[in-house]
Amino acid sequence: MNNEQTKLLIGTIFLEEYVQKGKITQCLPADAQITLDKVRAQADEVWSVAAEKLEVISLDYEGYTVNMTFQMDGTYLFDSVDVWADAGAEIEKESENETENGNVVGRGTGTGAKLSKVDTLKTIESFLQFASNVGMQLEWFEMGDERVCLLPSAVTLHYLKQQNNWKLVKIAGAYRSVEDVRSSLHGIADAIN
């Protein structure tokens, strides 16, 4: 895989698959190598945090941005997705073979209905339907005007109240254990509420 293919490959990942698996790298084919140099070459934005020796690479897609955090030595740490529009890139999703044992596995072949890359997750109601369909256990945390959902994968979904609806604004990929994330969220929620 060359540098030009890296951003395109990451853009093929279904966000439903990402929230179940926990990391962008776990959603890619086994032979795909994501390196700091490859994603930097395709970056829409690069942030360096010299004091912490970190580099954050942002890849923009229609309706969302994938942020990948590396140590400056190239070690991959974690990722997140910022959802910044009501509708993401339209994709075609094949109705057959989309999931296997509750995990999204299909990439579609152009024969299915069009939907947004973020449709399934963009509201709490649509996400609850998806979670119910795949049998996912959820833990919710109230933090003022934000609702945060912790998933078994240690991913968190962050919803803000916008015009009487809860809209997805961020997906934080797995970085720590579920127990550590849960403890942190309890602490934040207790401090806010």
C-alpha atoms as a PDB file:
ATOM      1  CA  MET A   1       0.000   0.000   0.000  1.00  0.00           C
ATOM      2  CA  ASN A   2       1.498   3.333  -1.008  1.00  0.00           C
ATOM      3  CA  ASN A   3       1.001   6.712   0.653  1.00  0.00           C
ATOM      4  CA  GLU A   4      -1.752   7.736  -1.780  1.00  0.00           C
ATOM      5  CA  GLN A   5      -3.844   4.678  -0.885  1.00  0.00           C
ATOM      6  CA  THR A   6      -3.681   5.169   2.892  1.00  0.00           C
ATOM      7  CA  LYS A   7      -6.315   7.900   3.186  1.00  0.00           C
ATOM      8  CA  LEU A   8      -8.586   6.154   0.694  1.00  0.00           C
ATOM      9  CA  LEU A   9      -8.329   2.847   2.586  1.00  0.00           C
ATOM     10  CA  ILE A  10      -9.118   4.479   5.947  1.00  0.00           C
ATOM     11  CA  GLY A  11     -12.102   6.191   4.303  1.00  0.00           C
ATOM     12  CA  THR A  12     -13.624   2.801   3.414  1.00  0.00           C
ATOM     13  CA  ILE A  13     -14.058   1.850   7.072  1.00  0.00           C
ATOM     14  CA  PHE A  14     -17.657   1.730   8.274  1.00  0.00           C
ATOM     15  CA  LEU A  15     -18.000   3.627  11.546  1.00  0.00           C
ATOM     16  CA  GLU A  16     -20.182   0.800  12.888  1.00  0.00           C
ATOM     17  CA  GLU A  17     -17.226  -1.532  12.463  1.00  0.00           C
ATOM     18  CA  TYR A  18     -14.890   0.989  14.109  1.00  0.00           C
ATOM     19  CA  VAL A  19     -16.993   1.339  17.266  1.00  0.00           C
ATOM     20  CA  GLN A  20     -17.174  -2.444  17.627  1.00  0.00           C
ATOM     21  CA  LYS A  21     -13.479  -3.136  17.057  1.00  0.00           C
ATOM     22  CA  GLY A  22     -12.086  -0.102  18.869  1.00  0.00           C
ATOM     23  CA  LYS A  23      -9.294   1.141  16.607  1.00  0.00           C
ATOM     24  CA  ILE A  24      -8.916   2.187  12.996  1.00  0.00           C
ATOM     25  CA  THR A  25      -6.015  -0.235  12.575  1.00  0.00           C
ATOM     26  CA  GLN A  26      -8.208  -3.180  13.648  1.00  0.00           C
ATOM     27  CA  CYS A  27     -10.669  -2.387  10.851  1.00  0.00           C
ATOM     28  CA  LEU A  28      -8.111  -2.593   8.051  1.00  0.00           C
ATOM     29  CA  PRO A  29      -7.008  -5.666   6.102  1.00  0.00           C
ATOM     30  CA  ALA A  30      -4.255  -7.615   7.852  1.00  0.00           C
ATOM     31  CA  ASP A  31      -1.662  -6.625   5.248  1.00  0.00           C
ATOM     32  CA  ALA A  32      -2.359  -2.871   5.566  1.00  0.00           C
ATOM     33  CA  GLN A  33       0.410  -1.022   7.370  1.00  0.00           C
ATOM     34  CA  ILE A  34      -0.469   2.351   8.860  1.00  0.00           C
ATOM     35  CA  THR A  35       2.651   4.339   9.632  1.00  0.00           C
ATOM     36  CA  LEU A  36       3.214   7.921  10.696  1.00  0.00           C
ATOM     37  CA  ASP A  37       4.978   8.681   7.406  1.00  0.00           C
ATOM     38  CA  LYS A  38       2.152   7.244   5.301  1.00  0.00           C
ATOM     39  CA  VAL A  39      -0.652   9.112   7.045  1.00  0.00           C
ATOM     40  CA  ARG A  40       1.390  12.324   7.303  1.00  0.00           C
ATOM     41  CA  ALA A  41       1.811  12.239   3.506  1.00  0.00           C
ATOM     42  CA  GLN A  42      -2.003  12.206   3.109  1.00  0.00           C
ATOM     43  CA  ALA A  43      -2.846  14.485   6.061  1.00  0.00           C
ATOM     44  CA  ASP A  44      -5.281  17.341   5.813  1.00  0.00           C
ATOM     45  CA  GLU A  45      -3.802  18.704   9.029  1.00  0.00           C
ATOM     46  CA  VAL A  46      -0.857  17.803  11.275  1.00  0.00           C
ATOM     47  CA  TRP A  47      -0.550  18.880  14.912  1.00  0.00           C
ATOM     48  CA  SER A  48       2.667  18.452  16.814  1.00  0.00           C
ATOM     49  CA  VAL A  49       2.753  18.520  20.600  1.00  0.00           C
ATOM     50  CA  ALA A  50       6.463  18.868  21.276  1.00  0.00           C
ATOM     51  CA  ALA A  51       6.191  18.730  25.096  1.00  0.00           C
ATOM     52  CA  GLU A  52       4.501  15.316  24.939  1.00  0.00           C
ATOM     53  CA  LYS A  53       6.371  14.174  21.811  1.00  0.00           C
ATOM     54  CA  LEU A  54       3.098  13.501  19.985  1.00  0.00           C
ATOM     55  CA  GLU A  55       1.898  14.074  16.465  1.00  0.00           C
ATOM     56  CA  VAL A  56      -1.792  14.098  15.555  1.00  0.00           C
ATOM     57  CA  ILE A  57      -2.681  13.464  11.924  1.00  0.00           C
ATOM     58  CA  SER A  58      -6.135  14.527  10.710  1.00  0.00           C
ATOM     59  CA  LEU A  59      -7.760  13.042   7.618  1.00  0.00           C
ATOM     60  CA  ASP A  60     -10.911  14.834   6.448  1.00  0.00           C
ATOM     61  CA  TYR A  61     -13.832  12.999   4.881  1.00  0.00           C
ATOM     62  CA  GLU A  62     -17.292  14.240   4.001  1.00  0.00           C
ATOM     63  CA  GLY A  63     -19.004  14.907   7.341  1.00  0.00           C
ATOM     64  CA  TYR A  64     -16.241  13.678   9.656  1.00  0.00           C
ATOM     65  CA  THR A  65     -12.517  13.775  10.418  1.00  0.00           C
ATOM     66  CA  VAL A  66     -10.339  10.869  11.529  1.00  0.00           C
ATOM     67  CA  ASN A  67      -7.593  11.863  13.988  1.00  0.00           C
ATOM     68  CA  MET A  68      -4.687   9.468  14.502  1.00  0.00           C
ATOM     69  CA  THR A  69      -2.219  10.080  17.342  1.00  0.00           C
ATOM     70  CA  PHE A  70       1.370   8.867  17.140  1.00  0.00           C
ATOM     71  CA  GLN A  71       4.441   9.319  19.262  1.00  0.00           C
ATOM     72  CA  MET A  72       7.034  11.271  17.290  1.00  0.00           C
ATOM     73  CA  ASP A  73       9.109   8.083  17.016  1.00  0.00           C
ATOM     74  CA  GLY A  74       6.268   6.636  14.896  1.00  0.00           C
ATOM     75  CA  THR A  75       4.536   4.506  17.561  1.00  0.00           C
ATOM     76  CA  TYR A  76       0.777   4.448  16.930  1.00  0.00           C
ATOM     77  CA  LEU A  77      -1.204   5.315  20.087  1.00  0.00           C
ATOM     78  CA  PHE A  78      -4.905   5.880  19.417  1.00  0.00           C
ATOM     79  CA  ASP A  79      -7.478   7.452  17.133  1.00  0.00           C
ATOM     80  CA  SER A  80     -10.774   9.309  17.224  1.00  0.00           C
ATOM     81  CA  VAL A  81     -13.421  10.612  14.849  1.00  0.00           C
ATOM     82  CA  ASP A  82     -14.876  14.132  14.956  1.00  0.00           C
ATOM     83  CA  VAL A  83     -18.332  14.328  13.388  1.00  0.00           C
ATOM     84  CA  TRP A  84     -18.813  17.845  12.104  1.00  0.00           C
ATOM     85  CA  ALA A  85     -21.792  17.662   9.753  1.00  0.00           C
ATOM     86  CA  ASP A  86     -25.280  16.208   9.795  1.00  0.00           C
ATOM     87  CA  ALA A  87     -24.526  14.001   6.811  1.00  0.00           C
ATOM     88  CA  GLY A  88     -21.353  12.168   6.013  1.00  0.00           C
ATOM     89  CA  ALA A  89     -20.220  10.777   2.700  1.00  0.00           C
ATOM     90  CA  GLU A  90     -22.914   8.825   0.942  1.00  0.00           C
ATOM     91  CA  ILE A  91     -22.014   5.218   0.415  1.00  0.00           C
ATOM     92  CA  GLU A  92     -23.733   2.214  -1.015  1.00  0.00           C
ATOM     93  CA  LYS A  93     -24.143  -0.620   1.407  1.00  0.00           C
ATOM     94  CA  GLU A  94     -25.070  -4.093   0.302  1.00  0.00           C
ATOM     95  CA  SER A  95     -27.999  -5.461   2.271  1.00  0.00           C
ATOM     96  CA  GLU A  96     -26.629  -9.014   2.220  1.00  0.00           C
ATOM     97  CA  ASN A  97     -23.659 -10.065   4.324  1.00  0.00           C
ATOM     98  CA  GLU A  98     -23.305  -6.715   6.113  1.00  0.00           C
ATOM     99  CA  THR A  99     -22.809  -8.311   9.493  1.00  0.00           C
ATOM    100  CA  GLU A 100     -21.421 -11.545  10.755  1.00  0.00           C
ATOM    101  CA  ASN A 101     -22.016 -12.411  14.412  1.00  0.00           C
ATOM    102  CA  GLY A 102     -22.971  -8.784  15.021  1.00  0.00           C
ATOM    103  CA  ASN A 103     -19.805  -7.358  13.432  1.00  0.00           C
ATOM    104  CA  VAL A 104     -19.901  -5.327  10.247  1.00  0.00           C
ATOM    105  CA  VAL A 105     -17.879  -7.198   7.659  1.00  0.00           C
ATOM    106  CA  GLY A 106     -19.156  -6.136   4.244  1.00  0.00           C
ATOM    107  CA  ARG A 107     -17.835  -3.197   2.301  1.00  0.00           C
ATOM    108  CA  GLY A 108     -20.769  -3.184  -0.142  1.00  0.00           C
ATOM    109  CA  THR A 109     -20.670  -3.740  -3.857  1.00  0.00           C
ATOM    110  CA  GLY A 110     -22.778  -0.903  -5.118  1.00  0.00           C
ATOM    111  CA  THR A 111     -26.059  -2.797  -5.150  1.00  0.00           C
ATOM    112  CA  GLY A 112     -27.603  -1.510  -1.939  1.00  0.00           C
ATOM    113  CA  ALA A 113     -29.313   1.611  -0.682  1.00  0.00           C
ATOM    114  CA  LYS A 114     -27.442   4.874  -0.185  1.00  0.00           C
ATOM    115  CA  LEU A 115     -26.805   6.057   3.337  1.00  0.00           C
ATOM    116  CA  SER A 116     -24.465   8.375   5.179  1.00  0.00           C
ATOM    117  CA  LYS A 117     -21.208   7.148   6.725  1.00  0.00           C
ATOM    118  CA  VAL A 118     -22.557   8.419  10.067  1.00  0.00           C
ATOM    119  CA  ASP A 119     -26.313   7.714   9.708  1.00  0.00           C
ATOM    120  CA  THR A 120     -26.405   4.670  11.973  1.00  0.00           C
ATOM    121  CA  LEU A 121     -24.614   6.479  14.804  1.00  0.00           C
ATOM    122  CA  LYS A 122     -25.555  10.146  14.348  1.00  0.00           C
ATOM    123  CA  THR A 123     -28.467  10.235  16.801  1.00  0.00           C
ATOM    124  CA  ILE A 124     -28.953   8.363  20.043  1.00  0.00           C
ATOM    125  CA  GLU A 125     -32.113   6.792  18.653  1.00  0.00           C
ATOM    126  CA  SER A 126     -30.433   5.447  15.527  1.00  0.00           C
ATOM    127  CA  PHE A 127     -27.457   4.217  17.539  1.00  0.00           C
ATOM    128  CA  LEU A 128     -29.707   2.446  20.074  1.00  0.00           C
ATOM    129  CA  GLN A 129     -31.389   0.606  17.193  1.00  0.00           C
ATOM    130  CA  PHE A 130     -28.015  -0.478  15.804  1.00  0.00           C
ATOM    131  CA  ALA A 131     -26.770  -1.553  19.257  1.00  0.00           C
ATOM    132  CA  SER A 132     -29.954  -3.560  19.837  1.00  0.00           C
ATOM    133  CA  ASN A 133     -29.614  -5.267  16.438  1.00  0.00           C
ATOM    134  CA  VAL A 134     -26.071  -6.462  17.210  1.00  0.00           C
ATOM    135  CA  GLY A 135     -26.705  -7.212  20.905  1.00  0.00           C
ATOM    136  CA  MET A 136     -24.273  -4.597  22.194  1.00  0.00           C
ATOM    137  CA  GLN A 137     -24.274  -3.705  25.897  1.00  0.00           C
ATOM    138  CA  LEU A 138     -24.086   0.033  26.566  1.00  0.00           C
ATOM    139  CA  GLU A 139     -23.228   2.202  29.560  1.00  0.00           C
ATOM    140  CA  TRP A 140     -24.390   5.835  29.547  1.00  0.00           C
ATOM    141  CA  PHE A 141     -22.919   8.793  31.412  1.00  0.00           C
ATOM    142  CA  GLU A 142     -24.651  12.170  31.783  1.00  0.00           C
ATOM    143  CA  MET A 143     -22.252  15.117  31.739  1.00  0.00           C
ATOM    144  CA  GLY A 144     -24.282  18.306  31.651  1.00  0.00           C
ATOM    145  CA  ASP A 145     -25.250  18.898  28.025  1.00  0.00           C
ATOM    146  CA  GLU A 146     -23.321  15.828  26.878  1.00  0.00           C
ATOM    147  CA  ARG A 147     -24.240  12.155  26.930  1.00  0.00           C
ATOM    148  CA  VAL A 148     -21.390   9.685  26.615  1.00  0.00           C
ATOM    149  CA  CYS A 149     -21.849   6.027  25.762  1.00  0.00           C
ATOM    150  CA  LEU A 150     -19.162   3.501  26.721  1.00  0.00           C
ATOM    151  CA  LEU A 151     -19.047   0.396  24.524  1.00  0.00           C
ATOM    152  CA  PRO A 152     -17.562  -3.048  25.291  1.00  0.00           C
ATOM    153  CA  SER A 153     -14.713  -2.177  22.886  1.00  0.00           C
ATOM    154  CA  ALA A 154     -13.685   0.746  25.197  1.00  0.00           C
ATOM    155  CA  VAL A 155     -14.841   3.190  22.512  1.00  0.00           C
ATOM    156  CA  THR A 156     -16.913   6.155  23.662  1.00  0.00           C
ATOM    157  CA  LEU A 157     -19.566   7.968  21.638  1.00  0.00           C
ATOM    158  CA  HIS A 158     -20.174  11.596  22.589  1.00  0.00           C
ATOM    159  CA  TYR A 159     -23.567  13.190  21.919  1.00  0.00           C
ATOM    160  CA  LEU A 160     -24.480  16.858  22.402  1.00  0.00           C
ATOM    161  CA  LYS A 161     -27.991  18.309  22.580  1.00  0.00           C
ATOM    162  CA  GLN A 162     -28.644  20.256  19.352  1.00  0.00           C
ATOM    163  CA  GLN A 163     -32.095  21.598  18.502  1.00  0.00           C
ATOM    164  CA  ASN A 164     -33.942  19.143  20.781  1.00  0.00           C
ATOM    165  CA  ASN A 165     -31.985  16.149  19.445  1.00  0.00           C
ATOM    166  CA  TRP A 166     -28.865  14.404  20.664  1.00  0.00           C
ATOM    167  CA  LYS A 167     -26.288  14.473  17.843  1.00  0.00           C
ATOM    168  CA  LEU A 168     -23.027  12.563  17.628  1.00  0.00           C
ATOM    169  CA  VAL A 169     -20.013  14.882  17.726  1.00  0.00           C
ATOM    170  CA  LYS A 170     -17.118  12.568  18.589  1.00  0.00           C
ATOM    171  CA  ILE A 171     -16.106   8.924  18.693  1.00  0.00           C
ATOM    172  CA  ALA A 172     -13.091   8.250  20.882  1.00  0.00           C
ATOM    173  CA  GLY A 173     -11.338   5.038  19.940  1.00  0.00           C
ATOM    174  CA  ALA A 174     -10.029   2.519  22.452  1.00  0.00           C
ATOM    175  CA  TYR A 175      -6.832   3.544  24.199  1.00  0.00           C
ATOM    176  CA  ARG A 176      -7.254   2.279  27.748  1.00  0.00           C
ATOM    177  CA  SER A 177      -9.166  -0.653  29.203  1.00  0.00           C
ATOM    178  CA  VAL A 178     -12.955  -0.501  29.563  1.00  0.00           C
ATOM    179  CA  GLU A 179     -12.498  -0.409  33.355  1.00  0.00           C
ATOM    180  CA  ASP A 180     -10.142   2.590  33.171  1.00  0.00           C
ATOM    181  CA  VAL A 181     -12.455   4.466  30.808  1.00  0.00           C
ATOM    182  CA  ARG A 182     -15.475   3.682  33.006  1.00  0.00           C
ATOM    183  CA  SER A 183     -13.679   4.961  36.106  1.00  0.00           C
ATOM    184  CA  SER A 184     -12.633   8.139  34.313  1.00  0.00           C
ATOM    185  CA  LEU A 185     -16.159   8.767  33.014  1.00  0.00           C
ATOM    186  CA  HIS A 186     -17.649   8.228  36.477  1.00  0.00           C
ATOM    187  CA  GLY A 187     -15.199  10.766  37.887  1.00  0.00           C
ATOM    188  CA  ILE A 188     -16.023  13.354  35.232  1.00  0.00           C
ATOM    189  CA  ALA A 189     -19.776  12.800  35.546  1.00  0.00           C
ATOM    190  CA  ASP A 190     -19.618  13.097  39.349  1.00  0.00           C
ATOM    191  CA  ALA A 191     -17.631  16.335  39.112  1.00  0.00           C
ATOM    192  CA  ILE A 192     -20.058  17.880  36.588  1.00  0.00           C
ATOM    193  CA  ASN A 193     -23.358  16.722  38.041  1.00  0.00           C
END
